[in-house]
């Protein structure tokens, strides 16, 4: 589609906007299809602009906008700060799972020795000897911390 430029387009647009037509400009508009279409479009846009100007649309309170922007910024900073913590927790859970799988075959034997070494009649007397195993302390600590990390990852937090 080719658009034919008319020398009177700017003058017709100004006249259609203001509503002030000279006789020769009106005669040209009536004879030129481009200027006639331009007049219709400008008149429609001017009517829409008047209608929108008449509608009183209240602007929101700037304080509310500022407060919402501050909340959004705080939320963004919070998510950025806690994302590293969440990744460390995920790595901790993965390490706990890997250690648990690595020690699983020997862990049952160790637990069996621990239970067999306990004197249930005097549990306090046998506990230091059985709990003194560095491997048992390490595995128990990792399991407890891993369980806590897993619980923290799956817990629902309210901000």
Protein backbone atom coordinates (compact mmCIF):
# COMPACT_ATOMS: atom_id res chain seq x y z
CA UNK A 1 0.00 0.00 0.00
CA UNK A 2 1.45 3.32 -1.04
CA UNK A 3 0.84 6.43 0.97
CA UNK A 4 0.59 9.56 -1.09
CA UNK A 5 1.90 12.56 0.73
CA UNK A 6 -0.17 15.68 0.45
CA UNK A 7 1.27 19.15 0.94
CA UNK A 8 -1.81 20.13 2.96
CA UNK A 9 -1.65 17.26 5.52
CA UNK A 10 -0.12 19.32 8.33
CA UNK A 11 -2.56 22.17 7.79
CA UNK A 12 -5.54 19.77 7.64
CA UNK A 13 -4.39 18.03 10.85
CA UNK A 14 -4.07 21.37 12.63
CA UNK A 15 -7.49 22.51 11.37
CA UNK A 16 -9.12 19.21 12.37
CA UNK A 17 -7.61 19.49 15.85
CA UNK A 18 -8.60 23.11 16.40
CA UNK A 19 -11.87 23.06 14.44
CA UNK A 20 -10.95 26.23 12.53
CA UNK A 21 -11.23 25.63 8.77
CA UNK A 22 -10.46 28.08 5.98
CA UNK A 23 -12.67 27.83 2.89
CA UNK A 24 -9.81 26.73 0.63
CA UNK A 25 -8.60 24.13 3.17
CA UNK A 26 -12.15 22.78 3.49
CA UNK A 27 -12.42 22.56 -0.32
CA UNK A 28 -9.10 20.73 -0.50
CA UNK A 29 -10.18 18.30 2.22
CA UNK A 30 -13.37 17.51 0.36
CA UNK A 31 -11.40 16.74 -2.82
CA UNK A 32 -8.39 14.88 -1.37
CA UNK A 33 -9.00 11.34 -0.08
CA UNK A 34 -5.83 11.39 2.10
CA UNK A 35 -6.85 14.61 3.85
CA UNK A 36 -10.46 13.41 4.27
CA UNK A 37 -9.24 10.25 6.05
CA UNK A 38 -6.82 12.31 8.11
CA UNK A 39 -9.68 14.56 9.22
CA UNK A 40 -11.73 11.55 10.37
CA UNK A 41 -8.82 10.07 12.29
CA UNK A 42 -7.88 13.36 13.98
CA UNK A 43 -11.51 14.05 14.90
CA UNK A 44 -11.90 10.57 16.43
CA UNK A 45 -8.68 10.93 18.41
CA UNK A 46 -9.67 14.41 19.61
CA UNK A 47 -13.06 13.08 20.76
CA UNK A 48 -11.36 10.25 22.66
CA UNK A 49 -8.90 12.69 24.22
CA UNK A 50 -11.76 14.95 25.39
CA UNK A 51 -13.64 11.99 26.84
CA UNK A 52 -10.55 10.80 28.72
CA UNK A 53 -9.85 14.32 29.98
CA UNK A 54 -13.42 14.60 31.30
CA UNK A 55 -13.13 11.37 33.29
CA UNK A 56 -11.64 12.12 36.66
CA UNK A 57 -9.42 9.15 37.40
CA UNK A 58 -7.86 9.63 40.81
CA UNK A 59 -4.18 8.87 41.06
CA UNK A 60 -3.09 6.51 43.81
CA UNK A 61 -1.56 7.94 46.94
CA UNK A 62 2.20 8.36 46.43
CA UNK A 63 2.84 7.13 49.94
CA UNK A 64 1.18 3.82 49.13
CA UNK A 65 3.20 3.49 45.93
CA UNK A 66 6.41 4.24 47.83
CA UNK A 67 5.52 1.74 50.56
CA UNK A 68 4.80 -0.99 48.00
CA UNK A 69 8.05 -0.26 46.20
CA UNK A 70 9.96 -0.51 49.48
CA UNK A 71 8.27 -3.82 50.32
CA UNK A 72 9.11 -5.19 46.88
CA UNK A 73 12.74 -4.11 47.29
CA UNK A 74 12.95 -5.73 50.73
CA UNK A 75 11.45 -8.93 49.36
CA UNK A 76 14.00 -8.96 46.53
CA UNK A 77 16.88 -8.40 48.97
CA UNK A 78 15.52 -11.10 51.32
CA UNK A 79 15.28 -13.65 48.52
CA UNK A 80 18.76 -12.80 47.31
CA UNK A 81 20.22 -13.11 50.81
CA UNK A 82 18.47 -16.36 51.66
CA UNK A 83 19.12 -18.09 48.35
CA UNK A 84 22.72 -18.79 49.36
CA UNK A 85 21.56 -20.22 52.69
CA UNK A 86 19.06 -22.47 50.95
CA UNK A 87 21.75 -23.77 48.59
CA UNK A 88 24.08 -24.50 51.52
CA UNK A 89 21.25 -26.40 53.20
CA UNK A 90 20.65 -28.40 50.03
CA UNK A 91 24.34 -29.24 49.81
CA UNK A 92 24.28 -30.28 53.48
CA UNK A 93 21.38 -32.63 52.80
CA UNK A 94 23.24 -34.10 49.82
CA UNK A 95 26.39 -34.57 51.92
CA UNK A 96 24.37 -36.22 54.67
CA UNK A 97 22.80 -38.56 52.16
CA UNK A 98 26.19 -39.42 50.64
CA UNK A 99 27.78 -40.04 54.05
CA UNK A 100 24.78 -42.07 55.10
CA UNK A 101 25.08 -44.24 52.01
CA UNK A 102 28.84 -44.60 52.45
CA UNK A 103 28.58 -45.64 56.10
CA UNK A 104 25.33 -47.61 55.83
CA UNK A 105 26.91 -51.12 55.70
CA UNK A 106 29.24 -50.54 58.64
CA UNK A 107 26.79 -48.37 60.53
CA UNK A 108 24.49 -51.22 61.40
CA UNK A 109 27.40 -53.21 62.80
CA UNK A 110 28.53 -50.17 64.78
CA UNK A 111 25.03 -49.62 66.12
CA UNK A 112 24.84 -53.32 67.02
CA UNK A 113 28.12 -53.08 68.95
CA UNK A 114 26.90 -49.91 70.64
CA UNK A 115 23.65 -51.53 71.73
CA UNK A 116 25.41 -54.71 72.82
CA UNK A 117 27.94 -52.68 74.82
CA UNK A 118 25.25 -50.88 76.77
CA UNK A 119 24.46 -52.14 80.19
CA UNK A 120 20.80 -51.34 80.52
CA UNK A 121 21.02 -51.81 84.26
CA UNK A 122 23.40 -48.89 84.56
CA UNK A 123 23.07 -46.95 81.31
CA UNK A 124 25.10 -44.01 82.57
CA UNK A 125 28.15 -46.20 83.31
CA UNK A 126 28.38 -47.74 79.85
CA UNK A 127 27.48 -44.63 77.83
CA UNK A 128 30.83 -42.80 77.82
CA UNK A 129 32.67 -45.91 76.61
CA UNK A 130 30.20 -46.56 73.77
CA UNK A 131 29.66 -42.91 72.83
CA UNK A 132 33.40 -42.22 72.82
CA UNK A 133 33.82 -43.65 69.32
CA UNK A 134 34.80 -40.75 67.00
CA UNK A 135 33.11 -42.42 64.05
CA UNK A 136 29.86 -42.82 65.95
CA UNK A 137 29.99 -39.20 67.12
CA UNK A 138 30.70 -37.99 63.59
CA UNK A 139 27.97 -40.08 61.99
CA UNK A 140 25.47 -39.18 64.70
CA UNK A 141 26.26 -35.49 64.41
CA UNK A 142 25.96 -35.54 60.63
CA UNK A 143 22.67 -37.40 60.83
CA UNK A 144 21.24 -34.98 63.39
CA UNK A 145 22.43 -31.89 61.52
CA UNK A 146 21.28 -33.35 58.22
CA UNK A 147 17.87 -34.06 59.68
CA UNK A 148 17.65 -30.51 60.98
CA UNK A 149 18.71 -29.12 57.59
CA UNK A 150 16.14 -31.28 55.85
CA UNK A 151 13.45 -30.13 58.28
CA UNK A 152 14.47 -26.48 57.72
CA UNK A 153 14.32 -26.91 53.94
CA UNK A 154 10.88 -28.42 54.01
CA UNK A 155 9.40 -26.17 56.70
CA UNK A 156 7.01 -23.42 55.59
CA UNK A 157 8.21 -20.02 56.74
CA UNK A 158 6.13 -16.87 56.95
CA UNK A 159 7.99 -13.65 56.26
